[in-house]
Amino acid sequence: MHARDLAEPYLFVTSDDDDAANAVRALAEQSPSALLVVDHDGQPHATVTAARLKQHFVQVAA
């Protein structure tokens, strides 16, 4: 078995166009463990874990 056999399409948001609310919505709808943040060229920029987004919104809401 190879890593590619285990791979699934990765949920992503575009760094300049999507805001945190869109990222949370995507997490709620699809339940991934993380989101890939890509630039306008589709190149990976960063990853944001679901736990990190939840932590951020808890801090903002407090």
Protein backbone atom coordinates (compact mmCIF):
# COMPACT_ATOMS: atom_id res chain seq x y z
CA MET A 1 0.00 0.00 0.00
CA HIS A 2 1.19 3.51 -0.80
CA ALA A 3 0.34 6.84 0.83
CA ARG A 4 -1.52 7.89 -2.32
CA ASP A 5 -3.89 4.94 -1.75
CA LEU A 6 -4.95 6.51 1.54
CA ALA A 7 -5.21 10.07 0.27
CA GLU A 8 -8.51 11.88 -0.03
CA PRO A 9 -9.29 15.26 -1.57
CA TYR A 10 -8.34 17.99 0.88
CA LEU A 11 -10.79 20.70 1.84
CA PHE A 12 -9.29 24.13 1.18
CA VAL A 13 -9.98 27.83 1.44
CA THR A 14 -8.33 30.64 -0.51
CA SER A 15 -6.21 32.87 1.69
CA ASP A 16 -7.35 36.21 0.24
CA ASP A 17 -11.01 35.46 -0.49
CA ASP A 18 -12.29 33.36 2.37
CA ASP A 19 -12.75 34.61 5.89
CA ALA A 20 -12.71 32.68 9.12
CA ALA A 21 -16.49 32.27 9.10
CA ASN A 22 -16.28 30.45 5.75
CA ALA A 23 -13.56 28.23 7.16
CA VAL A 24 -15.67 27.33 10.18
CA ARG A 25 -18.69 26.69 7.95
CA ALA A 26 -16.61 24.31 5.83
CA LEU A 27 -15.42 22.52 8.96
CA ALA A 28 -18.97 22.17 10.27
CA GLU A 29 -20.31 20.83 6.97
CA GLN A 30 -17.55 18.37 6.15
CA SER A 31 -15.81 17.65 9.49
CA PRO A 32 -12.22 17.52 8.27
CA SER A 33 -9.40 17.62 10.81
CA ALA A 34 -7.82 20.62 9.08
CA LEU A 35 -8.18 23.03 6.18
CA LEU A 36 -5.54 23.77 3.60
CA VAL A 37 -5.11 27.47 2.88
CA VAL A 38 -4.06 28.14 -0.72
CA ASP A 39 -3.14 31.30 -2.60
CA HIS A 40 -4.79 32.52 -5.82
CA ASP A 41 -2.54 30.22 -7.84
CA GLY A 42 -3.70 27.21 -5.85
CA GLN A 43 -0.34 26.84 -4.14
CA PRO A 44 -0.41 25.69 -0.50
CA HIS A 45 0.13 28.53 1.94
CA ALA A 46 -0.72 27.01 5.34
CA THR A 47 -2.90 24.56 7.19
CA VAL A 48 -5.35 25.42 9.93
CA THR A 49 -6.52 22.68 12.25
CA ALA A 50 -10.12 22.40 13.32
CA ALA A 51 -8.97 22.65 16.93
CA ARG A 52 -7.17 25.94 16.23
CA LEU A 53 -10.23 27.48 14.56
CA LYS A 54 -12.47 26.40 17.43
CA GLN A 55 -9.98 27.80 19.94
CA HIS A 56 -9.90 31.12 18.10
CA PHE A 57 -13.67 31.48 18.06
CA VAL A 58 -13.99 30.58 21.73
CA GLN A 59 -11.47 33.32 22.57
CA VAL A 60 -13.24 35.85 20.34
CA ALA A 61 -16.63 35.03 21.84
CA ALA A 62 -15.39 35.36 25.43
